[in-house]
Amino acid sequence: MKAGQSGLLRSNLLGAAVSAFFLMAIAIASFYFSERTSRLDLEAFSAGEADRQMAEVFSTFLQGESGQRGYLLTQQQPYLAPYENARTAIFPLLDQLKTRIAALPPDVRLPSIDPFQEAVRAKFEELDRTVSLTRANRADEAMAIVRADSGRGLTEKARAFVAAFRTAANEFRAERIAQARRSADDLELVTTIGGVAVLLISIVAMGRIRRYTTEIEGARLALSSVNMELERRVATRTRDLVRANDELQRYAYIVSHDLRAPLVNIMGFTSELEQSMASVGAAVAQGDVDRTSSLWAPAVEAIEGDIPEALKFIKSSINRMDGLINAILTLSRLGRLPLSAEPVDMNALVDGCLGVVRHRVESLDVDAVIEGTLPPLIGDRNSLQQVFANLLDNAVKYLSADRAGRIRVRGRRAAGLVTYEVEDNGRGVSVSDQERIFELFRRAGVQDRPGEGIGLAHVRSLVRRLGGDVTVFSDGRSGTTFRVTLPENLSHTLQASEQ
């Protein structure tokens, strides 16, 4: 994981450096092209202003000529106003135009305005002379100058120059506008390329980060799964230890309590035997037995009554102790028997267990069936046979005489577990006894059926060894349902217990 972190850091640093380079290039290109575009736009504007000023100068030129002709024709003072305004304004306008042209870059290909300026000067000198002659009442001489066409030649020369100047100015302006557009396009292209490059680098970086994050999340989930599995195993082991401890405590109670009762009986009747034998011994010690002796009657009573009765109770207690000890040994051996995982057809197994109690079922006219198909599992066949044989035997044993017997076996599968239920409509089990019936040598209800109280304890021990549990449900009156829940694959349970 550390190597992955180092690789991710190096790639992200490289990506950041490349992104910074592109961003710097975009910034530099933006500055350069922005400045270039601004300069080109300014030059195009200046060329346009020069064109406008040239048009204004020529308009003023024509205005002066028009005012001069009106005055010559009418010899009225109002016609001189346009002429005088034009004569006053035209030369300052020419100076402004020259200043505008001088500010343009050296590569501007505009014609020099010096010839135009000379033509304007010559034209206005002619206009001044004709106006002066007309004011001096020499209009004929003024008109003769006009008819000489020298002034018209100056006007045409000025008109041709203005046309050429404006054409050159417009061409320069169009050129600068085109250059400005290309510069803007270049800026857009550089920005687009840089943006796409940064975007691609970001996508690659995000992909690597996402992949790394996915790997971390996968590792976290795997670790979480391992932790959950460990917690499950710890919980299972803890549960098994608690159950084993509870079993040990119950067995200790049984040994200290249930086995003690027969021992007390044996000890008591042994003392009674000793007393009876003392009576017999005293009578025998007389030699010739005197049947009228006070020792005879107790001796006869001991031989004929007390001693046989004591021996009977001693033998019964010994048999009881033997049964208890054998039951304890059976359960203790159960924990040492190896389990084997194999596929088990539960319909066939339960049907075989029903076959064992078939004669009792038929004799009692009990309706015992398997509902549907029982889910198969992988488990220990011998243990499963003992579990269901005991449950079915228990169901038949405790049927009620008040109603026709009915036994149902069903099953289902969910979340890796299989659940089987053995339901009867027998006597039922009171709520207070529903946990007690799984204890060794404990039985519930009226004790009118043979048994030692080890069957259900045996069932619970077997089921828990298989990794499952067994519970009971009953209202205490109308029947009982035993529910057995097991893992569907015992091999997984065995592997977990070995680890």
Protein backbone atom coordinates (compact mmCIF):
# COMPACT_ATOMS: atom_id res chain seq x y z
CA MET A 1 0.00 0.00 0.00
CA LYS A 2 2.92 2.33 0.73
CA ALA A 3 4.33 1.71 -2.75
CA GLY A 4 0.91 2.58 -4.20
CA GLN A 5 0.81 5.77 -2.15
CA SER A 6 4.32 6.74 -3.34
CA GLY A 7 3.39 6.07 -7.00
CA LEU A 8 0.17 8.04 -6.63
CA LEU A 9 2.06 10.95 -5.04
CA ARG A 10 4.67 10.98 -7.83
CA SER A 11 2.06 10.83 -10.58
CA ASN A 12 -0.03 13.57 -8.93
CA LEU A 13 3.05 15.79 -8.52
CA LEU A 14 3.97 15.21 -12.18
CA GLY A 15 0.42 15.95 -13.25
CA ALA A 16 0.40 19.12 -11.13
CA ALA A 17 3.71 20.23 -12.66
CA VAL A 18 2.47 19.61 -16.22
CA SER A 19 -0.81 21.36 -15.43
CA ALA A 20 1.10 24.32 -13.98
CA PHE A 21 3.23 24.45 -17.16
CA PHE A 22 0.16 24.53 -19.37
CA LEU A 23 -1.53 27.11 -17.18
CA MET A 24 1.61 29.27 -17.30
CA ALA A 25 1.78 28.86 -21.08
CA ILE A 26 -1.88 29.84 -21.34
CA ALA A 27 -1.26 32.89 -19.14
CA ILE A 28 1.78 33.99 -21.20
CA ALA A 29 -0.01 33.34 -24.49
CA SER A 30 -3.07 35.17 -23.22
CA PHE A 31 -0.98 38.20 -22.26
CA TYR A 32 0.95 38.18 -25.55
CA PHE A 33 -2.05 37.73 -27.83
CA SER A 34 -4.17 40.12 -25.79
CA GLU A 35 -1.50 42.83 -26.09
CA ARG A 36 -1.03 42.08 -29.80
CA THR A 37 -4.76 42.16 -30.46
CA SER A 38 -5.12 45.43 -28.55
CA ARG A 39 -2.24 46.96 -30.53
CA LEU A 40 -3.68 45.81 -33.84
CA ASP A 41 -7.14 47.08 -32.90
CA LEU A 42 -5.62 50.44 -31.93
CA GLU A 43 -3.73 50.67 -35.22
CA ALA A 44 -6.89 49.76 -37.13
CA PHE A 45 -8.76 52.45 -35.19
CA SER A 46 -6.00 55.00 -35.91
CA ALA A 47 -6.15 54.17 -39.63
CA GLY A 48 -9.90 54.59 -39.50
CA GLU A 49 -9.51 57.94 -37.73
CA ALA A 50 -6.98 59.06 -40.40
CA ASP A 51 -9.49 58.09 -43.07
CA ARG A 52 -12.23 60.01 -41.27
CA GLN A 53 -10.03 63.09 -40.82
CA MET A 54 -9.01 62.99 -44.51
CA ALA A 55 -12.69 62.89 -45.44
CA GLU A 56 -13.32 65.84 -43.11
CA VAL A 57 -10.41 67.85 -44.67
CA PHE A 58 -11.66 67.20 -48.20
CA SER A 59 -15.21 68.09 -47.20
CA THR A 60 -13.90 71.38 -45.78
CA PHE A 61 -11.94 71.88 -49.01
CA LEU A 62 -15.10 71.46 -51.10
CA GLN A 63 -17.05 73.67 -48.70
CA GLY A 64 -14.54 76.52 -49.25
CA GLU A 65 -14.71 76.12 -53.04
CA SER A 66 -18.53 76.08 -52.97
CA GLY A 67 -18.67 79.27 -50.84
CA GLN A 68 -16.23 81.02 -53.21
CA ARG A 69 -18.32 80.24 -56.29
CA GLY A 70 -21.53 81.37 -54.63
CA TYR A 71 -20.00 84.70 -53.73
CA LEU A 72 -18.57 85.17 -57.22
CA LEU A 73 -21.94 84.50 -58.83
CA THR A 74 -24.09 86.56 -56.41
CA GLN A 75 -21.56 88.97 -54.96
CA GLN A 76 -23.57 88.77 -51.74
CA GLN A 77 -21.83 88.74 -48.38
CA PRO A 78 -23.69 85.73 -46.79
CA TYR A 79 -22.11 83.36 -49.34
CA LEU A 80 -18.68 84.17 -47.97
CA ALA A 81 -19.40 82.55 -44.57
CA PRO A 82 -18.83 78.92 -45.73
CA TYR A 83 -15.70 79.96 -47.51
CA GLU A 84 -14.30 81.84 -44.54
CA ASN A 85 -15.13 78.95 -42.15
CA ALA A 86 -13.43 76.47 -44.47
CA ARG A 87 -10.35 78.70 -44.87
CA THR A 88 -10.08 79.03 -41.07
CA ALA A 89 -10.53 75.25 -40.31
CA ILE A 90 -8.74 73.44 -43.12
CA PHE A 91 -5.11 73.99 -42.18
CA PRO A 92 -5.55 73.01 -38.48
CA LEU A 93 -7.36 69.90 -39.73
CA LEU A 94 -4.39 69.13 -41.98
CA ASP A 95 -2.04 69.49 -39.01
CA GLN A 96 -4.19 67.06 -36.95
CA LEU A 97 -4.20 64.60 -39.86
CA LYS A 98 -0.41 64.78 -40.13
CA THR A 99 -0.12 64.14 -36.37
CA ARG A 100 -2.46 61.12 -36.66
CA ILE A 101 -0.42 59.70 -39.58
CA ALA A 102 2.87 60.23 -37.73
CA ALA A 103 1.55 58.13 -34.81
CA LEU A 104 0.94 55.14 -37.09
CA PRO A 105 3.57 52.33 -37.17
CA PRO A 106 6.38 52.57 -39.74
CA ASP A 107 5.00 49.77 -41.88
CA VAL A 108 1.85 51.76 -42.69
CA ARG A 109 1.72 52.21 -46.46
CA LEU A 110 -0.15 55.52 -46.71
CA PRO A 111 0.76 58.14 -49.36
CA SER A 112 2.47 61.29 -48.14
CA ILE A 113 0.03 64.17 -47.74
CA ASP A 114 2.57 66.80 -48.74
CA PRO A 115 1.33 66.96 -52.37
CA PHE A 116 -2.22 67.15 -51.10
CA GLN A 117 -1.28 69.91 -48.69
CA GLU A 118 0.40 71.87 -51.51
CA ALA A 119 -2.68 71.46 -53.73
CA VAL A 120 -4.90 72.69 -50.87
CA ARG A 121 -2.62 75.67 -50.27
CA ALA A 122 -2.56 76.56 -53.96
CA LYS A 123 -6.33 76.16 -54.26
CA PHE A 124 -7.05 78.46 -51.34
CA GLU A 125 -4.55 81.04 -52.68
CA GLU A 126 -6.62 81.04 -55.90
CA LEU A 127 -9.82 81.31 -53.92
CA ASP A 128 -8.43 84.19 -51.91
CA ARG A 129 -7.38 86.07 -55.09
CA THR A 130 -10.80 85.68 -56.79
CA VAL A 131 -12.64 86.77 -53.65
CA SER A 132 -10.34 89.80 -53.29
CA LEU A 133 -10.92 90.82 -56.94
CA THR A 134 -14.68 90.48 -56.54
CA ARG A 135 -14.62 92.65 -53.39
CA ALA A 136 -12.67 95.24 -55.41
CA ASN A 137 -15.45 95.26 -58.06
CA ARG A 138 -13.24 93.41 -60.49
CA ALA A 139 -15.51 90.43 -60.90
CA ASP A 140 -14.65 90.02 -64.54
CA GLU A 141 -11.02 89.42 -63.71
CA ALA A 142 -12.03 86.95 -60.99
CA MET A 143 -14.28 85.03 -63.37
CA ALA A 144 -11.47 84.94 -65.92
CA ILE A 145 -9.27 83.19 -63.36
CA VAL A 146 -12.02 80.66 -62.69
CA ARG A 147 -12.51 80.02 -66.40
CA ALA A 148 -8.77 79.36 -66.83
CA ASP A 149 -9.41 75.88 -65.24
CA SER A 150 -6.27 76.00 -63.13
CA GLY A 151 -8.42 75.76 -60.02
CA ARG A 152 -10.34 72.79 -61.38
CA GLY A 153 -7.07 70.99 -61.97
CA LEU A 154 -6.09 71.54 -58.34
CA THR A 155 -9.48 70.22 -57.19
CA GLU A 156 -9.19 67.09 -59.32
CA LYS A 157 -5.66 66.53 -58.06
CA ALA A 158 -6.87 66.84 -54.48
CA ARG A 159 -9.85 64.54 -55.17
CA ALA A 160 -7.55 61.84 -56.67
CA PHE A 161 -5.18 62.05 -53.73
CA VAL A 162 -8.01 61.74 -51.20
CA ALA A 163 -9.39 58.67 -53.01
CA ALA A 164 -5.96 57.03 -53.04
CA PHE A 165 -5.33 57.93 -49.39
CA ARG A 166 -8.65 56.60 -48.19
CA THR A 167 -8.22 53.38 -50.17
CA ALA A 168 -4.79 52.81 -48.61
CA ALA A 169 -6.13 53.65 -45.14
CA ASN A 170 -9.05 51.21 -45.54
CA GLU A 171 -6.72 48.49 -46.80
CA PHE A 172 -4.41 48.99 -43.82
CA ARG A 173 -7.35 48.98 -41.43
CA ALA A 174 -8.75 45.76 -42.99
CA GLU A 175 -5.29 44.18 -42.74
CA ARG A 176 -4.93 45.10 -39.07
CA ILE A 177 -8.48 43.86 -38.33
CA ALA A 178 -7.68 40.55 -40.04
CA GLN A 179 -4.43 40.27 -38.04
CA ALA A 180 -6.33 41.06 -34.83
CA ARG A 181 -8.86 38.32 -35.63
CA ARG A 182 -6.06 35.84 -36.32
CA SER A 183 -4.44 36.83 -33.06
CA ALA A 184 -7.74 36.29 -31.22
CA ASP A 185 -8.13 32.92 -32.98
CA ASP A 186 -4.57 31.98 -31.98
CA LEU A 187 -5.34 32.95 -28.39
CA GLU A 188 -8.52 30.87 -28.47
CA LEU A 189 -6.60 27.91 -29.95
CA VAL A 190 -3.83 28.12 -27.33
CA THR A 191 -6.40 28.46 -24.54
CA THR A 192 -8.41 25.52 -25.89
CA ILE A 193 -5.33 23.30 -26.27
CA GLY A 194 -4.11 24.24 -22.80
CA GLY A 195 -7.56 23.77 -21.28
CA VAL A 196 -7.99 20.38 -22.94
CA ALA A 197 -4.51 19.35 -21.77
CA VAL A 198 -5.27 20.41 -18.20
CA LEU A 199 -8.65 18.66 -18.41
CA LEU A 200 -7.05 15.44 -19.66
CA ILE A 201 -4.41 15.60 -16.95
CA SER A 202 -7.15 16.20 -14.38
CA ILE A 203 -9.16 13.26 -15.73
CA VAL A 204 -6.09 11.00 -15.59
CA ALA A 205 -5.30 12.20 -12.07
CA MET A 206 -8.91 11.72 -10.98
CA GLY A 207 -8.89 8.25 -12.55
CA ARG A 208 -5.76 7.31 -10.64
CA ILE A 209 -7.13 8.78 -7.44
CA ARG A 210 -10.42 6.99 -7.97
CA ARG A 211 -8.65 3.71 -8.72
CA TYR A 212 -6.47 4.18 -5.65
CA THR A 213 -9.52 5.12 -3.59
CA THR A 214 -11.32 2.05 -4.93
CA GLU A 215 -8.35 -0.11 -3.95
CA ILE A 216 -8.34 1.44 -0.48
CA GLU A 217 -12.09 0.93 -0.19
CA GLY A 218 -11.70 -2.66 -1.37
CA ALA A 219 -8.96 -3.23 1.17
CA ARG A 220 -11.09 -1.59 3.84
CA LEU A 221 -14.06 -3.77 2.96
CA ALA A 222 -11.83 -6.84 2.88
CA LEU A 223 -10.41 -5.89 6.28
CA SER A 224 -13.90 -5.19 7.55
CA SER A 225 -15.01 -8.58 6.23
CA VAL A 226 -12.06 -10.24 7.93
CA ASN A 227 -12.84 -8.38 11.15
CA MET A 228 -16.49 -9.36 10.93
CA GLU A 229 -15.49 -12.97 10.29
CA LEU A 230 -13.11 -12.85 13.26
CA GLU A 231 -15.80 -11.29 15.41
CA ARG A 232 -18.24 -13.95 14.25
CA ARG A 233 -15.76 -16.68 15.10
CA VAL A 234 -15.03 -15.10 18.47
CA ALA A 235 -18.76 -14.79 19.12
CA THR A 236 -19.26 -18.42 18.05
CA ARG A 237 -16.39 -19.61 20.24
CA THR A 238 -17.66 -17.51 23.13
CA ARG A 239 -21.16 -18.89 22.67
CA ASP A 240 -19.81 -22.43 22.53
CA LEU A 241 -17.71 -21.84 25.64
CA VAL A 242 -20.70 -20.36 27.46
CA ARG A 243 -22.81 -23.33 26.41
CA ALA A 244 -20.09 -25.76 27.41
CA ASN A 245 -19.73 -24.02 30.76
CA ASP A 246 -23.50 -24.17 31.25
CA GLU A 247 -23.44 -27.86 30.39
CA LEU A 248 -20.60 -28.46 32.85
CA GLN A 249 -22.51 -26.63 35.55
CA ARG A 250 -25.64 -28.68 34.85
CA TYR A 251 -23.63 -31.89 34.86
CA ALA A 252 -22.00 -30.85 38.12
CA TYR A 253 -25.41 -30.22 39.59
CA ILE A 254 -26.63 -33.58 38.33
CA VAL A 255 -23.62 -35.38 39.77
CA SER A 256 -23.94 -33.56 43.10
CA HIS A 257 -27.72 -33.84 43.32
CA ASP A 258 -29.18 -36.65 41.25
CA LEU A 259 -26.41 -39.13 42.00
CA ARG A 260 -26.41 -38.13 45.65
CA ALA A 261 -30.02 -39.24 46.17
CA PRO A 262 -29.38 -42.90 45.30
CA LEU A 263 -26.22 -42.82 47.43
CA VAL A 264 -28.21 -41.51 50.41
CA ASN A 265 -30.68 -44.36 49.91
CA ILE A 266 -27.89 -46.90 49.70
CA MET A 267 -26.23 -45.50 52.83
CA GLY A 268 -29.53 -45.45 54.76
CA PHE A 269 -30.55 -48.98 53.83
CA THR A 270 -27.02 -50.20 54.47
CA SER A 271 -27.32 -48.88 58.04
CA GLU A 272 -30.67 -50.62 58.33
CA LEU A 273 -29.05 -53.84 57.11
CA GLU A 274 -26.36 -53.45 59.76
CA GLN A 275 -29.01 -53.06 62.45
CA SER A 276 -30.97 -56.05 61.13
CA MET A 277 -27.83 -58.15 61.00
CA ALA A 278 -27.08 -57.11 64.60
CA SER A 279 -30.47 -58.47 65.64
CA VAL A 280 -29.87 -61.71 63.74
CA GLY A 281 -26.36 -61.92 65.18
CA ALA A 282 -27.62 -61.58 68.74
CA ALA A 283 -30.17 -64.36 68.21
CA VAL A 284 -27.57 -66.63 66.62
CA ALA A 285 -25.14 -65.95 69.45
CA GLN A 286 -27.45 -67.80 71.92
CA GLY A 287 -26.63 -71.10 70.31
CA ASP A 288 -29.85 -73.10 70.71
CA VAL A 289 -32.35 -70.67 69.57
CA ASP A 290 -35.09 -70.09 72.00
CA ARG A 291 -38.12 -69.15 70.00
CA THR A 292 -39.62 -67.66 73.14
CA SER A 293 -36.61 -65.44 73.62
CA SER A 294 -37.07 -61.68 73.18
CA LEU A 295 -34.32 -61.78 70.54
CA TRP A 296 -36.13 -64.18 68.26
CA ALA A 297 -38.93 -61.94 67.02
CA PRO A 298 -36.66 -59.08 65.89
CA ALA A 299 -34.36 -61.53 64.13
CA VAL A 300 -37.28 -63.08 62.22
CA GLU A 301 -38.61 -59.65 61.30
CA ALA A 302 -35.19 -58.60 60.03
CA ILE A 303 -34.73 -61.75 57.94
CA GLU A 304 -38.22 -61.83 56.50
CA GLY A 305 -38.92 -58.10 56.05
CA ASP A 306 -36.24 -55.52 56.68
CA ILE A 307 -33.31 -57.21 54.94
CA PRO A 308 -35.18 -58.07 51.64
CA GLU A 309 -36.72 -54.58 51.55
CA ALA A 310 -33.34 -52.93 52.12
CA LEU A 311 -31.73 -55.07 49.43
CA LYS A 312 -34.54 -54.17 47.04
CA PHE A 313 -34.06 -50.40 47.56
CA ILE A 314 -30.30 -50.75 47.37
CA LYS A 315 -30.60 -52.61 44.07
CA SER A 316 -33.04 -49.98 42.73
CA SER A 317 -30.71 -47.15 43.73
CA ILE A 318 -27.77 -48.95 42.16
CA ASN A 319 -29.73 -49.36 38.91
CA ARG A 320 -30.72 -45.69 39.04
CA MET A 321 -27.11 -44.67 39.55
CA ASP A 322 -26.03 -46.96 36.73
CA GLY A 323 -28.56 -45.38 34.38
CA LEU A 324 -27.52 -41.88 35.35
CA ILE A 325 -23.84 -42.68 34.94
CA ASN A 326 -24.43 -44.34 31.56
CA ALA A 327 -26.40 -41.30 30.37
CA ILE A 328 -23.60 -38.97 31.46
CA LEU A 329 -21.04 -41.17 29.74
CA THR A 330 -23.13 -41.17 26.57
CA LEU A 331 -23.23 -37.38 26.48
CA SER A 332 -19.54 -37.11 27.33
CA ARG A 333 -18.65 -39.50 24.50
CA LEU A 334 -20.83 -37.44 22.17
CA GLY A 335 -18.40 -34.53 22.34
CA ARG A 336 -15.51 -36.78 21.27
CA LEU A 337 -17.17 -38.38 18.25
CA PRO A 338 -15.79 -37.00 14.95
CA LEU A 339 -18.20 -35.20 12.63
CA SER A 340 -18.17 -35.82 8.89
CA ALA A 341 -19.70 -33.45 6.34
CA GLU A 342 -21.61 -35.11 3.49
CA PRO A 343 -24.64 -34.25 1.35
CA VAL A 344 -27.81 -35.38 3.12
CA ASP A 345 -31.23 -35.85 1.52
CA MET A 346 -33.35 -34.68 4.44
CA ASN A 347 -36.61 -36.05 2.98
CA ALA A 348 -35.10 -39.54 2.88
CA LEU A 349 -33.52 -39.15 6.33
CA VAL A 350 -36.71 -37.94 8.05
CA ASP A 351 -38.77 -40.56 6.23
CA GLY A 352 -36.40 -43.20 7.61
CA CYS A 353 -36.83 -41.80 11.12
CA LEU A 354 -40.62 -41.92 10.68
CA GLY A 355 -40.21 -45.54 9.66
CA VAL A 356 -38.67 -46.33 13.07
CA VAL A 357 -41.82 -45.11 14.86
CA ARG A 358 -44.17 -46.25 12.08
CA HIS A 359 -45.72 -49.10 14.07
CA ARG A 360 -46.56 -46.81 16.99
CA VAL A 361 -47.90 -44.14 14.62
CA GLU A 362 -50.15 -46.66 12.89
CA SER A 363 -51.33 -48.24 16.12
CA LEU A 364 -52.32 -44.84 17.50
CA ASP A 365 -53.82 -43.75 14.15
CA VAL A 366 -51.51 -40.69 13.99
CA ASP A 367 -51.37 -38.52 10.85
CA ALA A 368 -47.58 -38.03 10.45
CA VAL A 369 -46.36 -36.48 7.17
CA ILE A 370 -43.57 -34.40 5.65
CA GLU A 371 -44.91 -31.14 4.23
CA GLY A 372 -43.32 -30.25 0.90
CA THR A 373 -39.65 -30.87 0.16
CA LEU A 374 -37.20 -30.50 3.00
CA PRO A 375 -34.11 -28.50 1.97
CA PRO A 376 -31.03 -30.73 1.75
CA LEU A 377 -27.79 -29.82 3.51
CA ILE A 378 -24.20 -30.90 3.97
CA GLY A 379 -23.93 -32.31 7.50
CA ASP A 380 -23.20 -35.28 9.70
CA ARG A 381 -25.74 -37.96 8.78
CA ASN A 382 -25.52 -39.95 12.06
CA SER A 383 -26.06 -36.87 14.22
CA LEU A 384 -29.02 -35.73 12.12
CA GLN A 385 -30.63 -39.19 12.36
CA GLN A 386 -30.34 -39.13 16.15
CA VAL A 387 -31.78 -35.59 16.33
CA PHE A 388 -34.90 -36.27 14.27
CA ALA A 389 -35.40 -39.79 15.69
CA ASN A 390 -35.51 -38.30 19.21
CA LEU A 391 -37.82 -35.44 18.18
CA LEU A 392 -40.26 -37.75 16.39
CA ASP A 393 -40.16 -40.27 19.26
CA ASN A 394 -40.87 -37.42 21.68
CA ALA A 395 -43.78 -36.19 19.51
CA VAL A 396 -45.38 -39.65 19.41
CA LYS A 397 -44.77 -40.26 23.13
CA TYR A 398 -46.56 -37.13 24.31
CA LEU A 399 -49.63 -37.08 22.03
CA SER A 400 -52.90 -36.16 23.72
CA ALA A 401 -55.62 -38.75 24.29
CA ASP A 402 -58.27 -36.03 23.77
CA ARG A 403 -57.73 -35.62 20.01
CA ALA A 404 -56.50 -37.46 16.95
CA GLY A 405 -52.74 -37.31 16.71
CA ARG A 406 -51.07 -35.13 14.04
CA ILE A 407 -47.36 -34.66 13.35
CA ARG A 408 -45.92 -32.38 10.67
CA VAL A 409 -42.32 -31.97 9.52
CA ARG A 410 -41.41 -28.97 7.33
CA GLY A 411 -38.33 -26.98 6.36
CA ARG A 412 -37.05 -23.83 4.65
CA ARG A 413 -33.78 -22.20 3.64
CA ALA A 414 -32.64 -18.59 4.17
CA ALA A 415 -29.30 -16.69 4.40
CA GLY A 416 -27.06 -19.76 4.48
CA LEU A 417 -29.18 -21.51 7.11
CA VAL A 418 -31.76 -24.29 6.97
CA THR A 419 -34.60 -24.53 9.46
CA TYR A 420 -36.65 -27.64 10.17
CA GLU A 421 -39.76 -27.84 12.34
CA VAL A 422 -41.32 -30.87 13.98
CA GLU A 423 -44.86 -29.92 15.03
CA ASP A 424 -47.37 -32.01 16.96
CA ASN A 425 -50.79 -31.42 18.51
CA GLY A 426 -50.01 -33.23 21.73
CA ARG A 427 -49.98 -32.14 25.35
CA GLY A 428 -47.77 -29.11 24.87
CA VAL A 429 -45.09 -27.74 27.18
CA SER A 430 -45.74 -24.99 29.70
CA VAL A 431 -43.72 -21.80 29.32
CA SER A 432 -41.91 -22.40 32.61
CA ASP A 433 -40.68 -25.81 31.40
CA GLN A 434 -39.65 -24.89 27.84
CA GLU A 435 -35.99 -24.39 28.74
CA ARG A 436 -35.93 -27.01 31.48
CA ILE A 437 -36.84 -29.88 29.13
CA PHE A 438 -33.43 -29.58 27.41
CA GLU A 439 -31.60 -30.22 30.70
CA LEU A 440 -30.28 -33.67 31.48
CA PHE A 441 -32.70 -35.89 33.48
CA ARG A 442 -35.38 -33.18 33.43
CA ARG A 443 -38.92 -33.90 32.22
CA ALA A 444 -42.04 -31.74 32.09
CA GLY A 445 -45.68 -32.39 32.89
CA VAL A 446 -47.22 -35.59 34.19
CA GLN A 447 -44.62 -38.36 34.42
CA ASP A 448 -46.80 -41.13 32.96
CA ARG A 449 -44.46 -42.06 30.12
CA PRO A 450 -41.26 -44.09 30.37
CA GLY A 451 -37.99 -42.20 30.00
CA GLU A 452 -34.94 -40.87 31.81
CA GLY A 453 -35.04 -37.27 30.56
CA ILE A 454 -31.96 -37.48 28.35
CA GLY A 455 -33.48 -37.41 24.82
CA LEU A 456 -33.89 -33.64 24.42
CA ALA A 457 -30.59 -32.94 26.19
CA HIS A 458 -29.02 -35.29 23.66
CA VAL A 459 -30.78 -33.41 20.79
CA ARG A 460 -29.53 -30.00 21.94
CA SER A 461 -25.94 -31.25 22.35
CA LEU A 462 -25.99 -32.79 18.87
CA VAL A 463 -27.50 -29.71 17.20
CA ARG A 464 -25.04 -27.35 18.86
CA ARG A 465 -22.13 -29.57 17.81
CA LEU A 466 -23.41 -29.14 14.24
CA GLY A 467 -23.20 -25.35 14.65
CA GLY A 468 -26.92 -24.75 15.11
CA ASP A 469 -29.55 -24.52 17.83
CA VAL A 470 -32.90 -25.99 18.79
CA THR A 471 -35.81 -24.12 20.35
CA VAL A 472 -39.33 -25.04 21.44
CA PHE A 473 -42.65 -23.19 20.99
CA SER A 474 -45.84 -24.15 22.78
CA ASP A 475 -48.85 -22.65 24.50
CA GLY A 476 -48.83 -25.53 27.00
CA ARG A 477 -52.15 -26.97 25.80
CA SER A 478 -52.55 -27.55 22.06
CA GLY A 479 -49.24 -28.95 20.89
CA THR A 480 -45.52 -28.31 20.56
CA THR A 481 -43.18 -27.21 17.78
CA PHE A 482 -39.46 -27.97 17.92
CA ARG A 483 -37.42 -25.75 15.57
CA VAL A 484 -33.95 -26.89 14.52
CA THR A 485 -31.73 -24.30 12.77
CA LEU A 486 -28.49 -25.50 11.13
CA PRO A 487 -25.86 -24.13 8.73
CA GLU A 488 -26.51 -25.48 5.24
CA ASN A 489 -22.87 -26.54 4.91
CA LEU A 490 -21.27 -28.18 7.95
CA SER A 491 -17.83 -28.18 6.29
CA HIS A 492 -17.66 -24.38 6.68
CA THR A 493 -18.44 -24.74 10.39
CA LEU A 494 -15.80 -27.44 10.80
CA GLN A 495 -13.19 -25.30 9.00
CA ALA A 496 -14.02 -22.31 11.20
CA SER A 497 -13.71 -24.43 14.36
CA GLU A 498 -10.32 -25.75 13.24
CA GLN A 499 -8.90 -22.26 12.61
